[in-house]
């Protein structure tokens, strides 16, 4: 089997291929890949066995990352919760992985990493587990009333009711004003977690590249933003990608209101799934929060070759710059750190 390299952001076959493939997600799309390119200077590439001029029957997208700080590597895909290889069989997947392993030396990549949504049997022992996360998804096919009844009574249902009593307001869209509100809350949340913030240009580029698929949702009390989430719609799924809040107002139920409005809208649009994204296994608070929405929890397992390569710029950064520093840094410093470091962390 011959393997061809294509640029999925330029190849006209890519969009119809994704539209017809049941495993394609927002993270496979040319818009998402183009946002990664524009923000972080990553080079998107997809591997396929389909010759030029022929319809695509498979596609395995990656980004090539070149960094003076963290080295060069091939990742499918950076800053993406999951990216299932769009292949027709395990044998085909094994062939692609063998091909990539052989290229690793000549391309001088430090490692290759794949991030499938579901467990894959590669038949290729050198690709071994590098990281694992929990992944939550909510089935939207039951009635809205059934979905609501499956929410945790105290931590979700009553919080939604509390938001209504408190007259927490809701707004949505993609305007600069909403992005400013979202990013202000994001900086607060990242500081609370002791982490630098993603650069605001990342969110601008995602909005520009994905357009109407993106919504910023903001909950406010007396005109003050208290919670915000960033969602993306693709095919029959709504994807929750980012969330942030002013912790002082958590008792108002702003975040719960935003999730509930998102679910109601998804049902109106006849979507089938609410993708709640990945959670670090050592973040029990976030895991429990997602469990309480009645979502199904599974494990995400990322695979890497060579397995012995364990260097991570984020891990190194945490060793050099403690969370204490980030948790006390001004907003301008958090934002500047994001612009400086995030491209090395994919």
Protein backbone atom coordinates (compact mmCIF):
# COMPACT_ATOMS: atom_id res chain seq x y z
CA UNK A 1 0.00 0.00 0.00
CA UNK A 2 1.39 3.40 -1.00
CA UNK A 3 1.09 6.29 1.47
CA UNK A 4 0.53 9.85 0.32
CA UNK A 5 0.93 13.04 2.34
CA UNK A 6 -1.65 15.79 1.87
CA UNK A 7 -2.43 19.14 3.47
CA UNK A 8 -5.99 18.65 4.80
CA UNK A 9 -6.53 22.41 4.96
CA UNK A 10 -5.92 22.68 1.20
CA UNK A 11 -7.05 19.35 -0.27
CA UNK A 12 -10.58 19.71 -1.66
CA UNK A 13 -11.32 16.04 -0.93
CA UNK A 14 -10.99 16.47 2.84
CA UNK A 15 -14.36 18.07 3.66
CA UNK A 16 -16.56 15.57 1.77
CA UNK A 17 -14.50 12.73 3.22
CA UNK A 18 -15.16 13.95 6.77
CA UNK A 19 -18.83 14.54 6.06
CA UNK A 20 -19.27 10.91 5.06
CA UNK A 21 -17.12 9.36 7.79
CA UNK A 22 -19.00 8.43 10.99
CA UNK A 23 -15.94 8.90 13.23
CA UNK A 24 -15.04 12.39 12.02
CA UNK A 25 -15.15 15.07 14.71
CA UNK A 26 -14.65 18.82 14.87
CA UNK A 27 -10.97 18.18 15.58
CA UNK A 28 -10.49 16.63 12.12
CA UNK A 29 -11.87 19.64 10.27
CA UNK A 30 -9.86 22.03 8.16
CA UNK A 31 -11.15 24.92 10.29
CA UNK A 32 -9.70 23.47 13.50
CA UNK A 33 -6.43 22.57 11.76
CA UNK A 34 -6.18 26.02 10.20
CA UNK A 35 -6.68 27.65 13.62
CA UNK A 36 -3.81 25.53 14.97
CA UNK A 37 -1.64 26.65 12.06
CA UNK A 38 -2.48 30.33 12.39
CA UNK A 39 -2.05 30.47 16.16
CA UNK A 40 0.90 28.17 16.81
CA UNK A 41 2.57 27.81 13.39
CA UNK A 42 1.97 24.05 13.40
CA UNK A 43 2.04 22.34 9.99
CA UNK A 44 -1.03 20.14 9.35
CA UNK A 45 -0.49 16.96 7.37
CA UNK A 46 -2.66 13.91 6.72
CA UNK A 47 -1.57 10.47 5.56
CA UNK A 48 -3.76 8.50 3.16
CA UNK A 49 -3.54 5.55 0.80
CA UNK A 50 -5.79 7.29 -1.72
CA UNK A 51 -3.84 8.50 -4.80
CA UNK A 52 -4.12 12.11 -6.00
CA UNK A 53 -7.29 12.65 -8.00
CA UNK A 54 -9.12 9.77 -6.33
CA UNK A 55 -11.73 10.13 -3.53
CA UNK A 56 -10.30 9.70 -0.05
CA UNK A 57 -11.06 6.37 1.60
CA UNK A 58 -8.96 7.04 4.70
CA UNK A 59 -7.11 9.87 6.37
CA UNK A 60 -4.85 10.16 9.41
CA UNK A 61 -4.32 13.85 10.34
CA UNK A 62 -1.39 15.20 12.35
CA UNK A 63 0.36 18.44 13.13
CA UNK A 64 4.12 18.72 12.81
CA UNK A 65 5.43 20.70 15.77
CA UNK A 66 8.88 22.29 15.62
CA UNK A 67 10.01 23.88 18.86
CA UNK A 68 13.40 25.00 20.09
CA UNK A 69 12.13 24.44 23.64
CA UNK A 70 10.35 21.08 23.45
CA UNK A 71 11.71 19.53 20.26
CA UNK A 72 10.08 18.38 17.03
CA UNK A 73 7.27 15.85 17.04
CA UNK A 74 4.21 14.58 15.18
CA UNK A 75 0.94 14.77 17.14
CA UNK A 76 -2.63 13.80 16.23
CA UNK A 77 -3.69 16.38 17.34
CA UNK A 78 -2.30 19.09 19.66
CA UNK A 79 -4.80 20.88 21.92
CA UNK A 80 -7.48 18.42 20.78
CA UNK A 81 -9.22 16.12 23.25
CA UNK A 82 -9.32 13.26 20.76
CA UNK A 83 -8.64 12.56 17.08
CA UNK A 84 -9.59 9.08 15.94
CA UNK A 85 -7.57 7.72 12.99
CA UNK A 86 -10.04 7.61 10.09
CA UNK A 87 -9.03 4.22 8.73
CA UNK A 88 -11.01 1.23 7.55
CA UNK A 89 -9.36 -1.54 9.58
CA UNK A 90 -6.82 -2.27 12.31
CA UNK A 91 -4.48 -3.66 9.64
CA UNK A 92 -4.64 -0.35 7.79
CA UNK A 93 -3.90 1.53 11.01
CA UNK A 94 -0.92 -0.72 11.72
CA UNK A 95 0.41 -0.06 8.22
CA UNK A 96 0.21 3.72 8.70
CA UNK A 97 1.90 3.54 12.10
CA UNK A 98 4.70 1.38 10.71
CA UNK A 99 5.18 3.91 7.91
CA UNK A 100 5.38 6.75 10.44
CA UNK A 101 7.81 4.90 12.66
CA UNK A 102 10.14 4.50 9.71
CA UNK A 103 9.90 8.24 8.99
CA UNK A 104 10.65 9.25 12.57
CA UNK A 105 14.41 9.01 12.21
CA UNK A 106 14.70 10.82 8.89
CA UNK A 107 12.35 13.60 10.02
CA UNK A 108 14.15 13.89 13.37
CA UNK A 109 10.91 13.80 15.34
CA UNK A 110 11.34 13.21 19.08
CA UNK A 111 8.17 11.13 19.13
CA UNK A 112 4.84 10.41 17.46
CA UNK A 113 1.63 10.59 19.48
CA UNK A 114 -1.93 9.59 18.57
CA UNK A 115 -5.04 10.49 20.56
CA UNK A 116 -7.91 8.19 19.55
CA UNK A 117 -11.32 8.69 21.12
CA UNK A 118 -11.85 4.96 21.56
CA UNK A 119 -9.27 2.33 22.39
CA UNK A 120 -7.43 1.06 19.35
CA UNK A 121 -5.50 -2.17 18.95
CA UNK A 122 -2.59 -1.17 16.78
CA UNK A 123 -0.85 -4.53 16.55
CA UNK A 124 2.24 -2.39 16.93
CA UNK A 125 3.81 -2.93 20.34
CA UNK A 126 6.24 0.04 20.16
CA UNK A 127 3.24 2.41 20.44
CA UNK A 128 2.45 2.37 24.13
CA UNK A 129 0.29 4.32 26.55
CA UNK A 130 1.65 7.79 27.22
CA UNK A 131 -1.24 9.51 29.02
CA UNK A 132 -4.78 8.73 30.04
CA UNK A 133 -7.82 10.87 30.80
CA UNK A 134 -11.49 10.42 31.51
CA UNK A 135 -13.88 11.31 28.71
CA UNK A 136 -17.55 12.18 29.21
CA UNK A 137 -20.37 12.30 26.70
CA UNK A 138 -24.08 12.85 27.23
CA UNK A 139 -26.62 11.01 25.09
CA UNK A 140 -29.09 13.58 23.75
CA UNK A 141 -31.54 11.10 22.22
CA UNK A 142 -33.86 10.73 25.27
CA UNK A 143 -36.51 13.41 25.79
CA UNK A 144 -35.49 16.69 27.38
CA UNK A 145 -37.46 15.81 30.50
CA UNK A 146 -35.68 12.44 30.79
CA UNK A 147 -32.31 14.13 30.40
CA UNK A 148 -33.16 16.66 33.11
CA UNK A 149 -34.33 13.96 35.51
CA UNK A 150 -30.95 12.24 35.20
CA UNK A 151 -29.13 15.32 36.49
CA UNK A 152 -27.94 15.28 40.09
CA UNK A 153 -30.80 16.75 42.13
CA UNK A 154 -28.80 19.01 44.47
CA UNK A 155 -25.76 19.91 42.35
CA UNK A 156 -27.40 20.39 38.96
CA UNK A 157 -31.21 20.58 39.02
CA UNK A 158 -31.42 22.90 42.02
CA UNK A 159 -28.56 25.04 40.69
CA UNK A 160 -30.46 25.55 37.44
CA UNK A 161 -33.54 26.51 39.46
CA UNK A 162 -31.41 28.83 41.63
CA UNK A 163 -30.09 30.62 38.54
CA UNK A 164 -33.67 31.30 37.46
CA UNK A 165 -34.62 32.68 40.90
CA UNK A 166 -31.51 34.87 40.99
CA UNK A 167 -32.39 36.20 37.54
CA UNK A 168 -29.00 35.19 36.14
CA UNK A 169 -29.00 36.38 32.53
CA UNK A 170 -27.81 34.45 29.49
CA UNK A 171 -26.24 35.64 26.26
CA UNK A 172 -24.54 33.85 23.39
CA UNK A 173 -22.68 34.63 20.21
CA UNK A 174 -19.21 35.24 18.80
CA UNK A 175 -18.77 38.99 19.26
CA UNK A 176 -15.62 40.68 20.53
CA UNK A 177 -17.61 41.77 23.58
CA UNK A 178 -18.50 38.18 24.50
CA UNK A 179 -14.94 37.01 23.83
CA UNK A 180 -13.65 39.72 26.18
CA UNK A 181 -16.01 38.55 28.93
CA UNK A 182 -15.07 34.93 28.37
CA UNK A 183 -11.33 35.66 28.37
CA UNK A 184 -11.51 37.73 31.55
CA UNK A 185 -13.13 34.77 33.32
CA UNK A 186 -10.63 32.38 31.73
CA UNK A 187 -7.72 34.36 33.16
CA UNK A 188 -9.31 34.18 36.61
CA UNK A 189 -9.82 30.42 36.29
CA UNK A 190 -6.32 29.70 34.99
CA UNK A 191 -4.82 31.74 37.83
CA UNK A 192 -6.89 29.75 40.32
CA UNK A 193 -5.48 26.54 38.83
CA UNK A 194 -1.94 27.90 38.78
CA UNK A 195 -1.60 27.80 34.97
CA UNK A 196 -0.91 30.31 32.21
CA UNK A 197 -3.84 31.10 29.92
CA UNK A 198 -4.24 30.16 26.29
CA UNK A 199 -3.50 33.18 24.04
CA UNK A 200 -6.59 35.14 23.12
CA UNK A 201 -5.55 34.87 19.46
CA UNK A 202 -6.28 31.15 19.68
CA UNK A 203 -9.94 31.82 20.42
CA UNK A 204 -10.11 34.56 17.78
CA UNK A 205 -8.69 32.17 15.19
CA UNK A 206 -11.04 29.34 16.16
CA UNK A 207 -13.99 31.72 15.76
CA UNK A 208 -12.68 33.02 12.43
CA UNK A 209 -11.97 29.53 11.06
CA UNK A 210 -15.09 27.74 12.34
CA UNK A 211 -17.58 30.58 12.13
CA UNK A 212 -21.15 29.77 13.11
CA UNK A 213 -20.14 26.42 14.59
CA UNK A 214 -18.71 28.32 17.59
CA UNK A 215 -20.66 29.88 20.43
CA UNK A 216 -19.49 31.74 23.48
CA UNK A 217 -22.11 31.53 26.22
CA UNK A 218 -22.00 33.91 29.17
CA UNK A 219 -24.04 34.00 32.38
CA UNK A 220 -24.18 37.29 34.27
CA UNK A 221 -25.63 38.66 37.49
CA UNK A 222 -26.58 42.35 37.50
CA UNK A 223 -24.45 42.84 34.39
CA UNK A 224 -21.35 41.16 35.84
CA UNK A 225 -20.17 37.98 34.02
CA UNK A 226 -20.04 35.05 36.45
CA UNK A 227 -19.51 32.04 34.15
CA UNK A 228 -18.80 31.30 30.50
CA UNK A 229 -18.35 28.27 28.24
CA UNK A 230 -17.01 27.90 24.70
CA UNK A 231 -18.82 25.31 22.58
CA UNK A 232 -18.48 24.04 19.01
CA UNK A 233 -21.09 22.22 16.94
CA UNK A 234 -20.18 19.67 14.29
CA UNK A 235 -22.46 17.22 12.50
CA UNK A 236 -24.63 15.64 15.21
CA UNK A 237 -22.49 16.61 18.23
CA UNK A 238 -22.12 19.64 20.46
CA UNK A 239 -18.62 19.90 21.93
CA UNK A 240 -17.88 21.65 25.23
CA UNK A 241 -14.28 22.80 24.83
CA UNK A 242 -13.57 25.47 27.46
CA UNK A 243 -15.24 26.64 30.63
CA UNK A 244 -14.46 29.31 33.21
CA UNK A 245 -16.13 31.09 36.09
CA UNK A 246 -15.76 33.61 38.87
CA UNK A 247 -15.62 31.30 41.88
CA UNK A 248 -17.16 33.94 44.15
CA UNK A 249 -20.50 33.43 42.38
CA UNK A 250 -20.57 29.63 42.04
CA UNK A 251 -23.61 29.44 44.33
CA UNK A 252 -25.72 31.25 41.70
CA UNK A 253 -25.69 28.30 39.31
CA UNK A 254 -24.33 30.22 36.34
CA UNK A 255 -22.33 27.32 34.91
CA UNK A 256 -25.27 24.94 35.32
CA UNK A 257 -27.49 27.43 33.49
CA UNK A 258 -25.03 27.56 30.59
CA UNK A 259 -24.86 23.78 30.26
CA UNK A 260 -28.64 23.47 30.45
CA UNK A 261 -29.20 26.11 27.78
CA UNK A 262 -26.62 24.35 25.60
CA UNK A 263 -28.42 21.04 26.00
CA UNK A 264 -31.80 22.60 25.25
CA UNK A 265 -30.45 24.19 22.08
CA UNK A 266 -28.76 20.93 21.03
CA UNK A 267 -32.08 19.11 21.39
CA UNK A 268 -33.82 21.77 19.28
CA UNK A 269 -31.19 21.18 16.58
CA UNK A 270 -31.69 17.40 16.86
CA UNK A 271 -28.13 16.74 17.89
CA UNK A 272 -27.37 13.33 19.33
CA UNK A 273 -24.42 13.87 21.63
CA UNK A 274 -22.98 16.43 24.02
CA UNK A 275 -19.22 15.89 24.11
CA UNK A 276 -18.07 17.10 27.53
CA UNK A 277 -14.42 16.58 26.73
CA UNK A 278 -11.54 15.10 28.63
CA UNK A 279 -10.63 15.47 32.30
CA UNK A 280 -7.31 14.80 33.99
CA UNK A 281 -7.55 11.66 36.10
CA UNK A 282 -6.19 13.59 39.09
CA UNK A 283 -8.97 16.21 38.88
CA UNK A 284 -11.77 14.57 40.88
CA UNK A 285 -13.75 17.80 41.11
CA UNK A 286 -14.12 18.14 37.34
CA UNK A 287 -14.80 14.43 36.91
CA UNK A 288 -17.56 14.52 39.52
CA UNK A 289 -19.04 17.66 37.97
CA UNK A 290 -19.41 15.87 34.61
CA UNK A 291 -20.67 12.65 36.22
CA UNK A 292 -23.52 14.64 37.78
CA UNK A 293 -24.96 15.50 34.38
CA UNK A 294 -25.72 11.84 33.74
CA UNK A 295 -22.89 11.60 31.23
CA UNK A 296 -21.18 8.33 30.35
CA UNK A 297 -17.57 8.15 31.47
CA UNK A 298 -14.90 6.24 29.53
CA UNK A 299 -11.10 6.33 29.38
CA UNK A 300 -9.10 8.18 26.77
CA UNK A 301 -5.70 6.60 26.16
CA UNK A 302 -3.03 8.40 24.16
CA UNK A 303 -0.35 6.30 22.48
CA UNK A 304 3.23 7.32 21.81
CA UNK A 305 6.32 6.06 20.01
CA UNK A 306 8.98 5.73 21.24
CA UNK A 307 7.35 4.94 24.54
CA UNK A 308 10.49 5.72 26.50
CA UNK A 309 10.29 9.37 25.44
CA UNK A 310 8.57 11.09 28.34
CA UNK A 311 9.78 14.69 28.08
CA UNK A 312 6.94 17.20 28.19
CA UNK A 313 7.40 20.95 28.14
CA UNK A 314 4.39 21.34 30.41
CA UNK A 315 5.91 18.95 32.95
CA UNK A 316 9.27 20.69 32.69
CA UNK A 317 7.61 24.05 33.02
CA UNK A 318 5.89 22.97 36.20
CA UNK A 319 9.26 21.86 37.58
CA UNK A 320 10.86 25.21 36.74
CA UNK A 321 7.97 27.56 37.45
CA UNK A 322 5.76 26.57 40.34
CA UNK A 323 2.01 26.88 40.34
CA UNK A 324 2.48 29.37 43.11
CA UNK A 325 3.99 31.83 40.62
CA UNK A 326 1.12 31.49 38.13
CA UNK A 327 -1.52 31.67 40.84
CA UNK A 328 -0.18 35.06 41.96
CA UNK A 329 0.63 36.52 38.55
CA UNK A 330 -1.31 39.51 37.18
CA UNK A 331 -3.67 38.84 34.28
CA UNK A 332 -1.32 40.52 31.80
CA UNK A 333 1.48 38.16 32.83
CA UNK A 334 -0.74 35.08 32.48
CA UNK A 335 -1.79 36.18 29.01
CA UNK A 336 1.80 36.95 27.97
CA UNK A 337 2.97 33.58 29.28
CA UNK A 338 0.32 31.89 27.19
CA UNK A 339 1.50 33.67 24.06
CA UNK A 340 5.10 32.70 24.81
CA UNK A 341 4.73 29.07 25.93
CA UNK A 342 1.61 27.49 24.49
CA UNK A 343 3.04 26.83 21.03
CA UNK A 344 5.68 24.64 22.72
CA UNK A 345 3.09 22.59 24.65
CA UNK A 346 0.97 20.93 21.97
